[in-house]
Amino acid sequence: MAAVTLEEVARAAGVSLATASRVVNGSVRSPRPEVAERVQQAALKLGYVANAQAQALAKASTQLIGLVVHDIADPYFSSIARGVQLAARQKGRQVLLATTDRDPDIEHQTVRAFAAHRTDAIVLAGSRWSTVDDGPIRDELERYRNHGGRVAIIGQPVPGASAVVPENAAGAGALARALIAEGHRRFAVLAGPETLVTASDRTRGFVDAATEQGIFDIDMVFGEFTRDGGFEAGGKLIEKLGLSPGSASPLCVFAVNDVMAIGAIAAFREANLRVPDDIQVAGFDDIPTLRDSVPPLTTVRLPLAELGERAIELTLGDGAGQPAAISVSGEVVLRESTRLPER
């Protein structure tokens, strides 16, 4: 069955093709309300589906936001995506979502695709890489902005784009000081990938704060920024330190994100290490799934949905257009997972 054409809608409504187009495609030059109602009823009756490209031309807007995240299965990114979606909906936009699996080449290809589809804005959520040249993505975003697109980064800033910047190093430093105030004196860090800027910033912030408090000997294990990466890193830490149940010296493990912490706890349980009786664990982000974590996980709470909302405000809010940066601080939340055992 052939698709219904706009000409058929115009004929059924008794109007010109140009008038039908203005009504269906949302032109600012709208006809009288009674004429518009007649066209809309004819389109509904005939089952006409509007042409999105024609609507975009009529409105000078596609009403679309492109959101690029590293891994939508990670609750950190799904929480941010929720914030982006809610804020975009309030501004009459729909969100197109793409994931990169932390591959810079896929990120570049995705940005290029969103730019080609003329999305009204692009939001990039996720850490940059210390070993990757940001020149190509920076140039791609600059071309996009030169054609009217708006860009916000959630993470480390990219020159010329607005940014929502979590205070990763400061939050990790605050966590270290809070744990030391609770009586912890021996630490290990599950540090994530060495080249991921977010992971290295959190590691640096934690170690620097601990060093300032006179704690210099901190064990370090690197791993992927995922639950499985945490599990593997936890296993390596057990082997490296020869950890066993009932150790006489408490060890507090800081995993640089919550999903790594969850994976590490699973590895510790497999080795019959009880949290927090045999080993203590802290994370970073306060992802929503922590409400089901046993024991409750000490972490640094970031307002994840708010990060997404603020990115939309930077791209579509009043006064948007000029690059701006917003810093977002974290809040230390001490829970059962870092309770020191009684000796």
Protein backbone atom coordinates (compact mmCIF):
# COMPACT_ATOMS: atom_id res chain seq x y z
CA MET A 1 0.00 0.00 0.00
CA ALA A 2 1.43 3.35 -1.07
CA ALA A 3 2.11 5.96 1.59
CA VAL A 4 -0.34 8.84 1.83
CA THR A 5 1.10 12.01 0.28
CA LEU A 6 0.84 15.58 1.47
CA GLU A 7 -0.97 16.41 -1.78
CA GLU A 8 -3.75 13.99 -0.78
CA VAL A 9 -4.03 15.65 2.63
CA ALA A 10 -4.27 19.10 1.03
CA ARG A 11 -6.94 17.89 -1.37
CA ALA A 12 -8.99 16.29 1.41
CA ALA A 13 -8.77 19.45 3.53
CA GLY A 14 -9.56 21.75 0.60
CA VAL A 15 -6.38 23.80 0.95
CA SER A 16 -3.28 24.45 -1.09
CA LEU A 17 -0.23 22.22 -0.82
CA ALA A 18 1.73 25.11 0.71
CA THR A 19 -0.89 25.60 3.43
CA ALA A 20 -0.98 21.89 4.24
CA SER A 21 2.81 21.87 4.45
CA ARG A 22 2.87 24.81 6.86
CA VAL A 23 0.40 23.05 9.17
CA VAL A 24 1.91 19.57 9.07
CA ASN A 25 5.54 20.66 9.23
CA GLY A 26 5.07 23.25 11.96
CA SER A 27 6.04 26.41 10.11
CA VAL A 28 5.95 29.66 12.05
CA ARG A 29 3.67 31.00 9.29
CA SER A 30 0.65 29.06 10.48
CA PRO A 31 -2.81 29.59 8.85
CA ARG A 32 -6.00 30.38 10.75
CA PRO A 33 -6.86 27.90 13.55
CA GLU A 34 -9.91 26.53 11.76
CA VAL A 35 -7.85 25.85 8.62
CA ALA A 36 -5.09 24.20 10.63
CA GLU A 37 -7.67 22.00 12.39
CA ARG A 38 -9.12 20.91 9.03
CA VAL A 39 -5.67 19.93 7.74
CA GLN A 40 -4.82 18.04 10.94
CA GLN A 41 -8.08 16.11 10.84
CA ALA A 42 -7.54 15.20 7.17
CA ALA A 43 -3.99 13.98 7.95
CA LEU A 44 -5.27 11.91 10.85
CA LYS A 45 -8.09 10.37 8.86
CA LEU A 46 -5.84 9.46 5.93
CA GLY A 47 -3.01 8.17 8.17
CA TYR A 48 -0.46 10.65 6.85
CA VAL A 49 3.05 10.42 8.39
CA ALA A 50 4.94 13.71 8.35
CA ASN A 51 8.38 13.96 6.77
CA ALA A 52 10.85 14.71 9.55
CA GLN A 53 13.33 16.34 7.17
CA ALA A 54 10.64 18.66 5.86
CA GLN A 55 9.63 19.54 9.41
CA ALA A 56 13.22 20.32 10.30
CA LEU A 57 13.51 22.68 7.33
CA ALA A 58 10.26 24.40 8.23
CA LYS A 59 11.23 24.88 11.88
CA ALA A 60 15.00 25.31 11.36
CA SER A 61 15.27 22.62 14.04
CA THR A 62 15.16 18.83 14.11
CA GLN A 63 13.95 18.83 17.75
CA LEU A 64 16.59 16.15 18.40
CA ILE A 65 19.44 15.89 20.91
CA GLY A 66 22.36 13.54 20.32
CA LEU A 67 23.66 11.91 23.52
CA VAL A 68 26.94 9.98 23.40
CA VAL A 69 27.92 7.83 26.42
CA HIS A 70 30.62 5.26 27.05
CA ASP A 71 28.44 2.40 28.28
CA ILE A 72 24.67 2.57 28.80
CA ALA A 73 24.78 -0.64 30.87
CA ASP A 74 26.78 1.26 33.49
CA PRO A 75 24.31 2.87 35.97
CA TYR A 76 26.50 5.99 36.00
CA PHE A 77 25.68 6.66 32.36
CA SER A 78 22.07 5.48 32.47
CA SER A 79 21.44 7.92 35.34
CA ILE A 80 22.98 10.76 33.34
CA ALA A 81 20.93 9.72 30.31
CA ARG A 82 17.77 9.93 32.39
CA GLY A 83 18.62 13.47 33.40
CA VAL A 84 19.30 14.43 29.78
CA GLN A 85 16.03 12.88 28.63
CA LEU A 86 13.89 14.55 31.29
CA ALA A 87 15.40 17.99 30.64
CA ALA A 88 15.21 17.57 26.86
CA ARG A 89 11.55 16.54 27.06
CA GLN A 90 10.74 19.71 28.98
CA LYS A 91 12.20 21.66 26.07
CA GLY A 92 10.24 19.71 23.46
CA ARG A 93 13.16 17.61 22.24
CA GLN A 94 13.71 13.88 21.77
CA VAL A 95 17.02 12.17 22.56
CA LEU A 96 19.04 9.97 20.22
CA LEU A 97 21.41 7.74 22.21
CA ALA A 98 24.70 6.19 21.11
CA THR A 99 27.35 4.26 23.04
CA THR A 100 31.07 4.13 22.27
CA ASP A 101 32.43 1.36 24.54
CA ARG A 102 35.14 3.91 25.39
CA ASP A 103 36.47 3.80 21.82
CA PRO A 104 37.58 7.29 20.65
CA ASP A 105 37.13 6.35 16.98
CA ILE A 106 33.51 5.30 17.58
CA GLU A 107 32.95 8.54 19.50
CA HIS A 108 34.23 10.53 16.50
CA GLN A 109 32.05 8.59 14.06
CA THR A 110 29.00 9.09 16.27
CA VAL A 111 29.50 12.84 16.58
CA ARG A 112 29.87 13.07 12.81
CA ALA A 113 26.62 11.12 12.33
CA PHE A 114 24.69 13.32 14.77
CA ALA A 115 26.06 16.43 13.07
CA ALA A 116 24.99 15.07 9.67
CA HIS A 117 21.47 14.54 11.05
CA ARG A 118 21.52 18.18 12.22
CA THR A 119 20.61 17.48 15.82
CA ASP A 120 19.98 20.69 17.74
CA ALA A 121 22.66 19.78 20.28
CA ILE A 122 25.18 17.06 21.11
CA VAL A 123 26.02 15.98 24.66
CA LEU A 124 29.16 13.89 25.24
CA ALA A 125 29.20 12.08 28.59
CA GLY A 126 32.35 10.34 29.73
CA SER A 127 36.02 10.71 30.47
CA ARG A 128 38.64 11.79 27.98
CA TRP A 129 41.84 9.75 27.42
CA SER A 130 45.28 11.07 28.31
CA THR A 131 46.91 9.28 25.37
CA VAL A 132 44.39 10.22 22.67
CA ASP A 133 44.70 13.35 20.53
CA ASP A 134 41.44 15.28 20.91
CA GLY A 135 42.20 17.29 17.77
CA PRO A 136 39.88 15.33 15.42
CA ILE A 137 36.87 15.41 17.76
CA ARG A 138 37.55 19.05 18.59
CA ASP A 139 37.58 19.94 14.88
CA GLU A 140 34.38 17.94 14.27
CA LEU A 141 32.60 19.75 17.08
CA GLU A 142 33.84 23.12 15.86
CA ARG A 143 32.40 22.48 12.38
CA TYR A 144 29.13 21.44 14.01
CA ARG A 145 29.00 24.60 16.14
CA ASN A 146 29.81 26.77 13.12
CA HIS A 147 26.62 25.44 11.53
CA GLY A 148 24.49 26.33 14.53
CA GLY A 149 24.86 23.19 16.67
CA ARG A 150 25.47 23.38 20.41
CA VAL A 151 27.71 21.11 22.44
CA ALA A 152 28.09 20.18 26.10
CA ILE A 153 30.64 17.82 27.62
CA ILE A 154 30.02 15.95 30.87
CA GLY A 155 33.54 15.29 32.06
CA GLN A 156 36.80 16.97 31.13
CA PRO A 157 36.28 20.11 29.00
CA VAL A 158 37.00 20.28 25.27
CA PRO A 159 38.04 23.75 24.02
CA GLY A 160 35.13 25.76 22.63
CA ALA A 161 32.40 23.56 24.15
CA SER A 162 30.36 24.02 27.31
CA ALA A 163 31.15 21.56 30.08
CA VAL A 164 29.71 20.05 33.23
CA VAL A 165 32.79 19.06 35.22
CA PRO A 166 32.57 16.66 38.18
CA GLU A 167 35.20 17.48 40.80
CA ASN A 168 36.75 14.02 40.71
CA ALA A 169 40.07 14.72 42.40
CA ALA A 170 38.49 16.87 45.12
CA GLY A 171 35.81 14.27 45.84
CA ALA A 172 38.35 11.45 46.12
CA GLY A 173 40.51 13.62 48.39
CA ALA A 174 37.55 14.33 50.64
CA LEU A 175 36.85 10.59 50.83
CA ALA A 176 40.44 9.83 51.87
CA ARG A 177 40.33 12.45 54.62
CA ALA A 178 36.97 11.14 55.88
CA LEU A 179 38.23 7.56 56.02
CA ILE A 180 41.37 8.61 57.86
CA ALA A 181 39.23 10.54 60.33
CA GLU A 182 37.31 7.30 60.91
CA GLY A 183 40.55 5.57 61.89
CA HIS A 184 41.73 3.93 58.64
CA ARG A 185 45.49 3.85 58.19
CA ARG A 186 46.13 1.22 55.49
CA PHE A 187 44.84 1.69 51.96
CA ALA A 188 44.85 0.15 48.50
CA VAL A 189 43.46 1.70 45.32
CA LEU A 190 41.79 -0.13 42.43
CA ALA A 191 42.80 2.57 40.03
CA GLY A 192 41.05 1.86 36.72
CA PRO A 193 42.85 2.32 33.39
CA GLU A 194 45.95 4.52 33.63
CA THR A 195 44.99 6.48 30.50
CA LEU A 196 41.39 7.29 31.50
CA VAL A 197 41.48 10.84 32.88
CA THR A 198 38.57 10.40 35.31
CA ALA A 199 40.19 7.31 36.83
CA SER A 200 43.61 8.95 37.13
CA ASP A 201 42.11 12.15 38.62
CA ARG A 202 40.29 10.17 41.31
CA THR A 203 43.38 8.11 42.05
CA ARG A 204 45.55 11.22 42.29
CA GLY A 205 43.07 13.04 44.53
CA PHE A 206 42.85 10.11 46.94
CA VAL A 207 46.59 9.43 47.12
CA ASP A 208 47.51 13.12 47.46
CA ALA A 209 45.06 13.62 50.34
CA ALA A 210 46.27 10.47 52.11
CA THR A 211 49.88 11.55 51.67
CA GLU A 212 49.09 14.95 53.20
CA GLN A 213 47.77 13.03 56.22
CA GLY A 214 51.04 11.13 56.55
CA ILE A 215 50.05 7.89 54.79
CA PHE A 216 52.61 7.10 52.11
CA ASP A 217 52.47 3.36 51.45
CA ILE A 218 49.36 2.80 49.30
CA ASP A 219 49.09 -0.32 47.16
CA MET A 220 47.84 0.17 43.62
CA VAL A 221 46.19 -2.21 41.14
CA PHE A 222 44.99 -1.11 37.69
CA GLY A 223 42.00 -2.59 35.86
CA GLU A 224 39.12 -1.85 33.52
CA PHE A 225 36.58 0.78 34.59
CA THR A 226 33.83 -1.87 34.86
CA ARG A 227 32.35 -4.41 37.28
CA ASP A 228 34.44 -7.19 35.71
CA GLY A 229 37.49 -4.94 35.84
CA GLY A 230 36.90 -4.50 39.56
CA PHE A 231 36.52 -8.24 40.05
CA GLU A 232 39.81 -8.91 38.27
CA ALA A 233 41.62 -6.09 40.09
CA GLY A 234 40.29 -7.36 43.43
CA GLY A 235 41.68 -10.80 42.66
CA LYS A 236 45.07 -9.32 41.79
CA LEU A 237 45.09 -7.38 45.06
CA ILE A 238 44.37 -10.55 47.05
CA GLU A 239 47.27 -12.29 45.34
CA LYS A 240 49.62 -9.31 45.61
CA LEU A 241 49.09 -8.81 49.35
CA GLY A 242 48.37 -12.41 50.30
CA LEU A 243 45.08 -11.39 51.86
CA SER A 244 43.24 -13.93 53.99
CA PRO A 245 40.30 -13.93 56.41
CA GLY A 246 41.02 -12.57 59.87
CA SER A 247 43.97 -10.37 58.87
CA ALA A 248 45.38 -8.50 61.84
CA SER A 249 45.80 -5.25 59.91
CA PRO A 250 42.61 -3.68 58.45
CA LEU A 251 42.83 -2.73 54.76
CA CYS A 252 40.51 -0.19 53.16
CA VAL A 253 40.20 -0.53 49.37
CA PHE A 254 39.19 2.51 47.31
CA ALA A 255 37.78 1.55 43.90
CA VAL A 256 37.64 4.58 41.62
CA ASN A 257 34.03 3.91 40.68
CA ASP A 258 31.15 2.03 42.26
CA VAL A 259 30.87 -0.71 39.65
CA MET A 260 34.53 -1.59 40.18
CA ALA A 261 33.86 -1.65 43.93
CA ILE A 262 30.94 -4.04 43.42
CA GLY A 263 33.12 -6.33 41.31
CA ALA A 264 35.90 -6.21 43.89
CA ILE A 265 33.49 -7.15 46.69
CA ALA A 266 32.44 -10.19 44.65
CA ALA A 267 36.10 -11.20 44.31
CA PHE A 268 36.68 -10.75 48.04
CA ARG A 269 33.64 -12.89 48.87
CA GLU A 270 34.92 -15.61 46.56
CA ALA A 271 38.13 -15.60 48.61
CA ASN A 272 36.09 -15.81 51.85
CA LEU A 273 37.00 -12.24 52.78
CA ARG A 274 34.09 -10.58 54.54
CA VAL A 275 33.25 -6.89 53.99
CA PRO A 276 33.72 -5.03 56.30
CA ASP A 277 34.99 -7.55 58.89
CA ASP A 278 38.07 -8.69 56.95
CA ILE A 279 38.44 -5.91 54.39
CA GLN A 280 36.77 -2.53 53.86
CA VAL A 281 35.68 -1.10 50.50
CA ALA A 282 34.71 2.35 49.17
CA GLY A 283 33.66 3.52 45.72
CA PHE A 284 32.77 6.70 43.85
CA ASP A 285 29.55 7.96 42.13
CA ASP A 286 26.70 6.62 44.33
CA ILE A 287 24.97 4.84 41.46
CA PRO A 288 21.27 3.97 42.05
CA THR A 289 21.89 0.21 42.31
CA LEU A 290 23.83 0.76 45.55
CA ARG A 291 20.52 0.81 47.41
CA ASP A 292 20.54 -2.99 46.96
CA SER A 293 24.22 -3.45 47.84
CA VAL A 294 25.09 -5.60 50.87
CA PRO A 295 26.76 -4.21 52.85
CA PRO A 296 25.84 -0.61 51.95
CA LEU A 297 28.79 0.92 50.10
CA THR A 298 30.72 3.97 51.24
CA THR A 299 31.12 6.28 48.26
CA VAL A 300 31.28 9.83 46.91
CA ARG A 301 27.83 10.89 45.78
CA LEU A 302 27.55 12.75 42.49
CA PRO A 303 24.14 14.14 41.41
CA LEU A 304 24.17 12.01 38.26
CA ALA A 305 20.78 12.95 36.77
CA GLU A 306 21.54 16.59 37.53
CA LEU A 307 24.72 16.35 35.43
CA GLY A 308 22.55 15.50 32.43
CA GLU A 309 20.01 18.21 33.22
CA ARG A 310 22.72 20.84 33.47
CA ALA A 311 24.20 19.78 30.13
CA ILE A 312 20.83 20.40 28.46
CA GLU A 313 20.54 23.78 30.18
CA LEU A 314 23.96 24.74 28.83
CA THR A 315 22.97 23.83 25.29
CA LEU A 316 19.29 24.83 25.14
CA GLY A 317 18.63 27.08 28.12
CA ASP A 318 18.32 30.85 28.20
CA GLY A 319 21.60 32.41 27.22
CA ALA A 320 22.97 29.15 25.78
CA GLY A 321 25.34 29.49 22.88
CA GLN A 322 28.46 30.87 24.53
CA PRO A 323 30.71 28.16 25.98
CA ALA A 324 30.45 27.91 29.75
CA ALA A 325 31.71 25.52 32.41
CA ILE A 326 29.97 24.31 35.58
CA SER A 327 31.85 22.44 38.31
CA VAL A 328 29.87 19.87 40.31
CA SER A 329 31.17 18.71 43.68
CA GLY A 330 30.66 15.31 45.26
CA GLU A 331 29.52 14.44 48.78
CA VAL A 332 31.22 11.77 50.89
CA VAL A 333 28.71 9.18 52.15
CA LEU A 334 30.11 6.84 54.83
CA ARG A 335 28.32 3.50 55.04
CA GLU A 336 28.75 0.02 56.49
CA SER A 337 31.32 -1.20 53.93
CA THR A 338 34.11 0.83 55.56
CA ARG A 339 33.23 0.18 59.20
CA LEU A 340 36.39 -0.74 61.07
CA PRO A 341 36.13 -4.08 62.87
CA GLU A 342 36.47 -4.24 66.61
CA ARG A 343 39.72 -5.92 67.62
